């Protein structure tokens, strides 16, 4: 029954929906199975203690920026700014229960199915695999950049608990394996569990390999709550008041740039890896903040690229906080035909962490061939926060530096 399950899973790591929805599912699942657990990753107060310096007030999408230019000076007025497009809130899902992995400080909702809309916000149960506790292999899949970021750290004997309305099924880890997509998994008469994710675990792209963690059933606890399995999850569920669950990552871009299309599925932009300077907590890396940062940096990169090839000096200066005109026009992409720009290396991100979960800055690096010459391009964005009484906490990314260096 489980034959070929790995080949059925599609896990494009970039397209994650907002972490808030995942937390809603977690709360709903915890309430459904009667565990009363807190949301994923927010243990020991590590998420709540996150602080980000600086302020940047958001005035709403489409609001005009104040221009300091003199109408008589001949300068172009500052462009109208809009917020980058956030990760979408998905539609309702069918909730099964909760998966808890103590070693990883992980509590995550389990949703039936493994299509993109499920994996955007939760751990998915492969519908063709066995139900937890039943004979055969149960497959739980999740994105490598969120819930299953650290599954390679699980050790033999570590427990993985899957709580449903019918009971809690406790598995003990027995091993790990890296396989190619399409690998056949043998069925078994025993009750076993496989945790599955894209490999490498730091990849921001759909990979040809999968990381598998094997576990066997060692214990079953009785039902914790009465009711019918398959509860529909309402999007109106209250969001937990912890810091990481309320974070949204945004930036401001010229409205004409956004109208041209800045999303990954609208551009031929290869993504590489997601790395960290200094190690954040598991609660941070298992949240959606890193992928929200990726989503926002992709849009900033595309806005920079579009403005450069179209010779839009004012838009470039606005994107970089009034970058000097000399820096704008010495950019080798300035005025270059888009057809002459190709990627030598994918776009990879580095998140600079300071003092715990304090996100200081983000750097995007790639290698581009522009009209026959190869350049190393690096964009750096500073991170600031702005509390808002009517919106969740927002982290703002602002481009601060640009380096385009020819290669030898």
Protein backbone atom coordinates (compact mmCIF):
# COMPACT_ATOMS: atom_id res chain seq x y z
CA UNK A 1 0.00 0.00 0.00
CA UNK A 2 2.89 2.34 0.76
CA UNK A 3 4.77 1.41 -2.42
CA UNK A 4 6.14 4.46 -4.19
CA UNK A 5 4.92 6.94 -1.58
CA UNK A 6 8.03 9.09 -1.78
CA UNK A 7 7.41 9.70 -5.47
CA UNK A 8 3.92 10.94 -4.72
CA UNK A 9 5.05 13.74 -2.42
CA UNK A 10 5.53 17.22 -3.84
CA UNK A 11 7.33 19.55 -1.45
CA UNK A 12 8.36 22.86 -3.02
CA UNK A 13 9.91 24.42 0.07
CA UNK A 14 9.51 28.04 -0.94
CA UNK A 15 5.73 28.20 -1.23
CA UNK A 16 4.86 28.13 2.45
CA UNK A 17 1.81 30.02 3.62
CA UNK A 18 1.82 32.28 6.67
CA UNK A 19 2.98 30.66 9.91
CA UNK A 20 -0.01 32.13 11.73
CA UNK A 21 -2.29 29.64 10.02
CA UNK A 22 -0.03 26.78 11.05
CA UNK A 23 -0.26 27.97 14.63
CA UNK A 24 -4.05 28.11 14.39
CA UNK A 25 -4.00 24.50 13.27
CA UNK A 26 -1.70 23.61 16.16
CA UNK A 27 -4.03 25.17 18.72
CA UNK A 28 -7.03 23.51 17.09
CA UNK A 29 -5.28 20.13 17.08
CA UNK A 30 -4.18 20.46 20.69
CA UNK A 31 -7.72 21.31 21.74
CA UNK A 32 -9.15 18.46 19.66
CA UNK A 33 -6.94 15.81 21.22
CA UNK A 34 -7.26 17.35 24.67
CA UNK A 35 -3.56 17.97 25.21
CA UNK A 36 -3.76 21.66 26.02
CA UNK A 37 -0.32 22.05 24.44
CA UNK A 38 1.16 25.34 23.41
CA UNK A 39 2.06 26.17 19.83
CA UNK A 40 5.07 24.65 18.15
CA UNK A 41 8.51 25.79 19.09
CA UNK A 42 7.59 28.30 21.79
CA UNK A 43 9.18 26.45 24.69
CA UNK A 44 11.14 27.99 27.51
CA UNK A 45 10.01 31.43 26.37
CA UNK A 46 12.60 31.52 23.61
CA UNK A 47 10.15 32.88 21.05
CA UNK A 48 8.57 35.46 23.33
CA UNK A 49 11.95 36.97 24.21
CA UNK A 50 12.82 37.85 20.62
CA UNK A 51 13.48 41.55 20.20
CA UNK A 52 14.21 43.48 17.04
CA UNK A 53 15.58 47.00 17.22
CA UNK A 54 14.34 50.00 15.28
CA UNK A 55 10.95 51.24 14.10
CA UNK A 56 9.21 51.50 10.75
CA UNK A 57 5.53 52.36 10.71
CA UNK A 58 3.36 50.67 8.08
CA UNK A 59 0.62 52.96 6.72
CA UNK A 60 -1.13 50.43 4.50
CA UNK A 61 -0.80 49.03 1.02
CA UNK A 62 -0.81 51.59 -1.75
CA UNK A 63 -0.17 54.61 0.49
CA UNK A 64 1.87 57.39 -1.10
CA UNK A 65 5.31 58.08 0.28
CA UNK A 66 6.14 61.65 1.27
CA UNK A 67 8.44 63.24 -1.28
CA UNK A 68 11.23 65.56 -0.18
CA UNK A 69 12.06 66.59 -3.75
CA UNK A 70 11.66 70.15 -4.88
CA UNK A 71 9.21 70.42 -7.83
CA UNK A 72 11.37 73.19 -9.29
CA UNK A 73 14.60 71.19 -9.06
CA UNK A 74 13.74 68.87 -11.94
CA UNK A 75 13.96 65.76 -9.74
CA UNK A 76 11.44 63.01 -10.22
CA UNK A 77 8.92 62.66 -7.37
CA UNK A 78 9.33 59.68 -5.07
CA UNK A 79 7.37 56.68 -6.38
CA UNK A 80 4.21 55.42 -4.77
CA UNK A 81 5.15 52.58 -2.43
CA UNK A 82 3.22 49.42 -1.66
CA UNK A 83 3.99 46.56 0.66
CA UNK A 84 5.47 43.35 -0.71
CA UNK A 85 3.02 40.51 -1.15
CA UNK A 86 2.83 38.36 2.00
CA UNK A 87 2.56 34.60 2.00
CA UNK A 88 -1.07 33.70 1.33
CA UNK A 89 -3.52 32.48 3.95
CA UNK A 90 -4.86 29.12 2.77
CA UNK A 91 -8.37 27.77 2.73
CA UNK A 92 -9.76 25.28 5.24
CA UNK A 93 -8.07 21.95 5.82
CA UNK A 94 -9.17 18.69 7.42
CA UNK A 95 -7.37 18.37 10.73
CA UNK A 96 -6.38 14.96 12.13
CA UNK A 97 -4.41 15.71 15.26
CA UNK A 98 -1.01 16.69 16.60
CA UNK A 99 2.55 15.39 16.24
CA UNK A 100 4.96 15.98 19.14
CA UNK A 101 8.73 15.42 18.94
CA UNK A 102 10.36 16.27 22.30
CA UNK A 103 13.94 16.13 20.97
CA UNK A 104 13.08 18.91 18.49
CA UNK A 105 10.81 20.84 20.86
CA UNK A 106 8.24 20.40 18.12
CA UNK A 107 4.43 20.41 18.31
CA UNK A 108 2.78 20.59 14.90
CA UNK A 109 -0.69 20.01 13.45
CA UNK A 110 -1.27 16.91 11.34
CA UNK A 111 -3.59 17.38 8.35
CA UNK A 112 -4.91 14.73 5.97
CA UNK A 113 -3.19 14.85 2.57
CA UNK A 114 0.19 15.96 1.25
CA UNK A 115 -0.66 18.45 -1.49
CA UNK A 116 0.84 21.91 -1.45
CA UNK A 117 -2.09 23.56 0.32
CA UNK A 118 -1.69 21.14 3.24
CA UNK A 119 2.10 21.28 3.49
CA UNK A 120 1.97 25.07 3.40
CA UNK A 121 0.78 25.14 6.99
CA UNK A 122 1.09 21.72 8.58
CA UNK A 123 2.53 18.24 8.63
CA UNK A 124 0.65 16.13 6.07
CA UNK A 125 -0.46 12.51 6.35
CA UNK A 126 -0.06 10.63 3.08
CA UNK A 127 -3.61 9.45 2.40
CA UNK A 128 -2.48 6.16 0.82
CA UNK A 129 -0.41 5.20 3.85
CA UNK A 130 -1.65 3.56 7.05
CA UNK A 131 -3.36 5.55 9.77
CA UNK A 132 -1.27 5.97 12.92
CA UNK A 133 -1.46 2.85 15.09
CA UNK A 134 -2.65 0.62 12.26
CA UNK A 135 -0.60 -2.17 10.63
CA UNK A 136 1.61 -0.83 7.86
CA UNK A 137 3.67 2.30 7.23
CA UNK A 138 2.33 5.72 8.25
CA UNK A 139 3.96 8.54 6.28
CA UNK A 140 4.04 12.09 7.67
CA UNK A 141 5.55 14.70 5.34
CA UNK A 142 6.55 18.30 5.97
CA UNK A 143 8.67 21.05 4.48
CA UNK A 144 12.38 20.93 5.21
CA UNK A 145 12.52 24.66 5.94
CA UNK A 146 9.87 24.64 8.67
CA UNK A 147 8.48 21.78 10.80
CA UNK A 148 11.07 19.18 9.74
CA UNK A 149 14.10 21.50 9.56
CA UNK A 150 15.94 19.47 12.24
CA UNK A 151 14.75 15.87 11.72
CA UNK A 152 18.35 14.79 11.05
CA UNK A 153 19.06 15.47 14.73
CA UNK A 154 16.75 12.70 15.91
CA UNK A 155 18.56 9.80 17.57
CA UNK A 156 17.70 6.12 17.85
CA UNK A 157 15.12 5.71 20.61
CA UNK A 158 13.80 9.29 20.45
CA UNK A 159 10.02 9.38 20.57
CA UNK A 160 7.53 10.76 18.07
CA UNK A 161 3.94 10.96 19.35
CA UNK A 162 0.95 11.29 17.06
CA UNK A 163 -2.21 12.26 18.95
CA UNK A 164 -5.59 11.68 17.30
CA UNK A 165 -9.07 11.63 18.78
CA UNK A 166 -8.76 7.84 18.91
CA UNK A 167 -5.64 7.95 21.07
CA UNK A 168 -1.95 8.83 21.21
CA UNK A 169 0.47 6.62 19.27
CA UNK A 170 4.07 6.75 20.47
CA UNK A 171 6.85 5.70 18.08
CA UNK A 172 10.56 5.21 18.75
CA UNK A 173 13.09 6.26 16.09
CA UNK A 174 14.99 3.34 14.54
CA UNK A 175 17.01 4.94 11.76
CA UNK A 176 17.51 7.47 8.95
CA UNK A 177 17.88 7.22 5.18
CA UNK A 178 18.36 9.54 2.20
CA UNK A 179 16.62 8.31 -0.95
CA UNK A 180 15.76 9.54 -4.43
CA UNK A 181 12.20 10.50 -5.26
CA UNK A 182 10.24 7.54 -6.55
CA UNK A 183 11.96 5.07 -4.23
CA UNK A 184 9.65 2.18 -3.31
CA UNK A 185 8.98 1.71 0.40
CA UNK A 186 8.17 -1.87 1.41
CA UNK A 187 4.98 -2.46 3.35
CA UNK A 188 4.99 -4.14 6.75
CA UNK A 189 2.59 -5.98 9.02
CA UNK A 190 3.90 -3.94 11.95
CA UNK A 191 2.85 -0.38 12.77
CA UNK A 192 5.69 1.86 11.65
CA UNK A 193 6.16 5.57 10.95
CA UNK A 194 8.19 7.51 8.40
CA UNK A 195 8.89 11.25 8.68
CA UNK A 196 9.68 12.59 5.21
CA UNK A 197 11.12 15.87 3.93
CA UNK A 198 13.16 17.32 1.07
CA UNK A 199 16.92 16.89 1.26
CA UNK A 200 19.20 18.82 1.76
CA UNK A 201 17.35 20.26 4.72
CA UNK A 202 18.66 23.77 4.02
CA UNK A 203 17.44 23.78 0.41
CA UNK A 204 14.96 26.40 -0.79
CA UNK A 205 14.10 24.47 -3.93
CA UNK A 206 12.36 21.24 -4.94
CA UNK A 207 15.08 18.61 -4.59
CA UNK A 208 15.45 15.18 -6.18
CA UNK A 209 16.18 13.55 -2.81
CA UNK A 210 14.16 12.90 0.35
CA UNK A 211 15.25 12.58 3.96
CA UNK A 212 13.46 9.77 5.80
CA UNK A 213 13.29 9.05 9.53
CA UNK A 214 12.03 5.56 10.44
CA UNK A 215 10.24 4.74 13.70
CA UNK A 216 8.26 1.82 15.16
CA UNK A 217 5.19 1.85 17.39
CA UNK A 218 6.08 1.20 21.04
CA UNK A 219 3.05 2.38 22.96
CA UNK A 220 -0.60 3.40 22.61
CA UNK A 221 -2.49 5.65 25.03
CA UNK A 222 -6.28 5.65 25.16
CA UNK A 223 -8.60 8.22 23.55
CA UNK A 224 -8.24 11.68 25.03
CA UNK A 225 -11.44 13.25 23.79
CA UNK A 226 -14.68 12.15 22.17
CA UNK A 227 -15.79 13.39 18.78
CA UNK A 228 -15.54 12.81 15.07
CA UNK A 229 -12.19 12.76 13.31
CA UNK A 230 -11.74 15.14 10.40
CA UNK A 231 -12.82 18.41 11.98
CA UNK A 232 -12.80 21.34 9.54
CA UNK A 233 -10.42 24.06 10.71
CA UNK A 234 -11.83 27.57 10.85
CA UNK A 235 -9.63 30.47 9.84
CA UNK A 236 -11.18 32.53 12.66
CA UNK A 237 -9.33 30.55 15.35
CA UNK A 238 -7.57 32.82 17.83
CA UNK A 239 -3.87 33.30 17.16
CA UNK A 240 -1.52 32.66 20.13
CA UNK A 241 -0.01 35.81 21.61
CA UNK A 242 3.61 34.62 21.41
CA UNK A 243 6.13 36.70 19.47
CA UNK A 244 7.08 34.31 16.70
CA UNK A 245 3.49 33.37 15.90
CA UNK A 246 2.60 37.02 15.35
CA UNK A 247 5.51 37.91 13.09
CA UNK A 248 5.02 38.96 9.51
CA UNK A 249 7.94 39.89 7.27
CA UNK A 250 7.40 42.67 4.75
CA UNK A 251 9.13 45.37 2.71
CA UNK A 252 8.06 48.32 0.58
CA UNK A 253 8.56 48.42 -3.16
CA UNK A 254 7.54 50.90 -5.88
CA UNK A 255 4.01 50.07 -6.98
CA UNK A 256 4.96 49.84 -10.65
CA UNK A 257 7.55 47.18 -9.76
CA UNK A 258 4.98 45.08 -7.90
CA UNK A 259 2.58 45.38 -10.83
CA UNK A 260 5.22 43.83 -13.11
CA UNK A 261 5.30 40.67 -10.99
CA UNK A 262 7.85 40.02 -8.25
CA UNK A 263 6.89 36.52 -7.11
CA UNK A 264 8.95 33.40 -7.67
CA UNK A 265 6.37 31.78 -9.96
CA UNK A 266 6.46 34.90 -12.16
CA UNK A 267 10.22 34.89 -12.69
CA UNK A 268 12.99 32.46 -13.65
CA UNK A 269 14.85 32.75 -10.37
CA UNK A 270 16.73 29.67 -9.12
CA UNK A 271 16.84 29.41 -5.32
CA UNK A 272 19.78 27.92 -3.44
CA UNK A 273 20.17 27.45 0.30
CA UNK A 274 19.21 29.15 3.55
CA UNK A 275 22.07 29.58 6.03
CA UNK A 276 22.58 31.33 9.38
CA UNK A 277 25.35 33.44 10.90
CA UNK A 278 25.15 32.37 14.55
CA UNK A 279 22.69 29.66 15.46
CA UNK A 280 19.09 30.64 16.25
CA UNK A 281 16.79 28.55 18.41
CA UNK A 282 14.78 25.64 17.01
CA UNK A 283 11.63 27.66 17.63
CA UNK A 284 12.91 30.27 15.18
CA UNK A 285 14.08 27.89 12.44
CA UNK A 286 10.91 25.77 12.75
CA UNK A 287 8.74 28.87 12.39
CA UNK A 288 7.85 30.41 9.04
CA UNK A 289 9.93 33.55 9.68
CA UNK A 290 12.91 32.31 7.59
CA UNK A 291 10.65 31.50 4.63
CA UNK A 292 8.79 34.77 5.00
CA UNK A 293 12.21 36.45 4.84
CA UNK A 294 12.95 34.43 1.69
CA UNK A 295 9.64 35.45 0.13
CA UNK A 296 10.30 39.12 0.85
CA UNK A 297 13.95 39.08 -0.27
CA UNK A 298 12.94 37.44 -3.56
CA UNK A 299 10.52 40.30 -4.19
CA UNK A 300 13.16 42.90 -3.28
CA UNK A 301 15.69 41.20 -5.57
CA UNK A 302 13.23 41.12 -8.46
CA UNK A 303 12.30 44.77 -7.88
CA UNK A 304 16.02 45.67 -7.98
CA UNK A 305 16.55 43.61 -11.14
CA UNK A 306 13.54 45.07 -12.96
CA UNK A 307 14.37 48.65 -11.99
CA UNK A 308 18.02 48.19 -13.05
CA UNK A 309 17.42 46.85 -16.55
CA UNK A 310 14.71 49.45 -17.12
CA UNK A 311 17.03 52.27 -15.95
CA UNK A 312 14.61 53.46 -13.27
CA UNK A 313 17.02 55.47 -11.14
CA UNK A 314 14.39 56.86 -8.78
CA UNK A 315 12.97 53.42 -8.03
CA UNK A 316 16.47 52.09 -7.31
CA UNK A 317 17.27 54.98 -4.99
CA UNK A 318 13.99 54.41 -3.17
CA UNK A 319 14.60 50.67 -2.81
CA UNK A 320 18.03 51.31 -1.26
CA UNK A 321 17.09 54.22 0.97
CA UNK A 322 18.35 56.97 -1.37
CA UNK A 323 21.40 55.19 -2.73
CA UNK A 324 23.70 57.74 -4.44
CA UNK A 325 23.04 58.20 -8.16
CA UNK A 326 26.65 57.30 -8.90
CA UNK A 327 26.15 53.87 -7.32
CA UNK A 328 22.93 53.35 -9.25
CA UNK A 329 24.40 54.09 -12.66
CA UNK A 330 27.65 52.16 -12.20
CA UNK A 331 25.55 49.06 -11.61
CA UNK A 332 26.37 46.74 -14.59
CA UNK A 333 22.71 45.71 -14.75
CA UNK A 334 21.65 49.33 -15.36
CA UNK A 335 20.17 49.41 -18.85
CA UNK A 336 21.28 45.88 -19.73
CA UNK A 337 18.73 43.89 -21.77
CA UNK A 338 16.94 41.37 -19.59
CA UNK A 339 17.66 38.74 -22.24
CA UNK A 340 21.40 39.21 -21.55
CA UNK A 341 21.05 38.41 -17.82
CA UNK A 342 21.42 34.76 -16.77
CA UNK A 343 22.09 33.05 -13.44
CA UNK A 344 25.44 31.32 -13.00
CA UNK A 345 24.61 30.41 -9.37
CA UNK A 346 21.23 30.30 -7.59
CA UNK A 347 20.15 32.98 -5.13
CA UNK A 348 21.10 31.92 -1.59
CA UNK A 349 20.25 33.68 1.67
CA UNK A 350 22.16 34.19 4.91
CA UNK A 351 20.31 35.33 8.03
CA UNK A 352 22.55 37.21 10.46
CA UNK A 353 21.35 36.39 13.98
CA UNK A 354 22.46 38.39 17.01
CA UNK A 355 21.82 37.62 20.70
CA UNK A 356 19.54 34.64 20.40
CA UNK A 357 16.65 35.08 17.98
CA UNK A 358 17.40 38.71 17.15
CA UNK A 359 17.42 38.90 13.33
CA UNK A 360 19.86 41.66 12.45
CA UNK A 361 20.17 41.57 8.66
CA UNK A 362 19.66 39.40 5.59
CA UNK A 363 22.08 38.92 2.71
CA UNK A 364 21.19 37.52 -0.71
CA UNK A 365 24.04 36.28 -2.91
CA UNK A 366 24.18 35.04 -6.49
CA UNK A 367 26.39 34.99 -9.59
CA UNK A 368 25.02 36.63 -12.74
CA UNK A 369 26.23 36.74 -16.31
CA UNK A 370 25.44 40.18 -17.73
CA UNK A 371 26.15 40.73 -21.41
CA UNK A 372 28.85 38.08 -21.37
CA UNK A 373 30.60 39.15 -18.14
CA UNK A 374 30.14 37.32 -14.82
CA UNK A 375 29.50 39.26 -11.59
CA UNK A 376 29.06 38.31 -7.96
CA UNK A 377 26.00 40.17 -6.68
CA UNK A 378 25.20 40.68 -3.01
CA UNK A 379 22.17 42.50 -1.60
CA UNK A 380 21.96 43.24 2.13
CA UNK A 381 18.79 44.25 3.95
CA UNK A 382 18.55 45.57 7.49
CA UNK A 383 15.72 44.36 9.71
CA UNK A 384 13.56 46.63 11.84
CA UNK A 385 10.28 46.22 13.70
CA UNK A 386 7.21 48.37 14.17
CA UNK A 387 4.56 47.50 16.76
CA UNK A 388 1.08 48.21 15.47
CA UNK A 389 -2.09 48.02 17.54
CA UNK A 390 -4.26 46.90 14.63
CA UNK A 391 -1.86 44.42 12.99
CA UNK A 392 0.50 41.68 14.18
CA UNK A 393 4.14 42.54 14.74
CA UNK A 394 5.84 43.24 11.41
CA UNK A 395 9.51 42.84 10.59
CA UNK A 396 10.51 45.25 7.84
CA UNK A 397 13.35 44.54 5.42
CA UNK A 398 15.08 47.58 3.94
CA UNK A 399 17.84 47.23 1.33
CA UNK A 400 20.94 48.99 2.62
CA UNK A 401 23.85 47.88 0.48
CA UNK A 402 24.58 46.57 -2.98
CA UNK A 403 27.79 44.92 -4.13
CA UNK A 404 28.30 43.87 -7.77
CA UNK A 405 31.86 42.67 -8.32
CA UNK A 406 33.32 41.18 -11.53
CA UNK A 407 34.80 37.71 -11.17
CA UNK A 408 38.26 36.76 -12.29
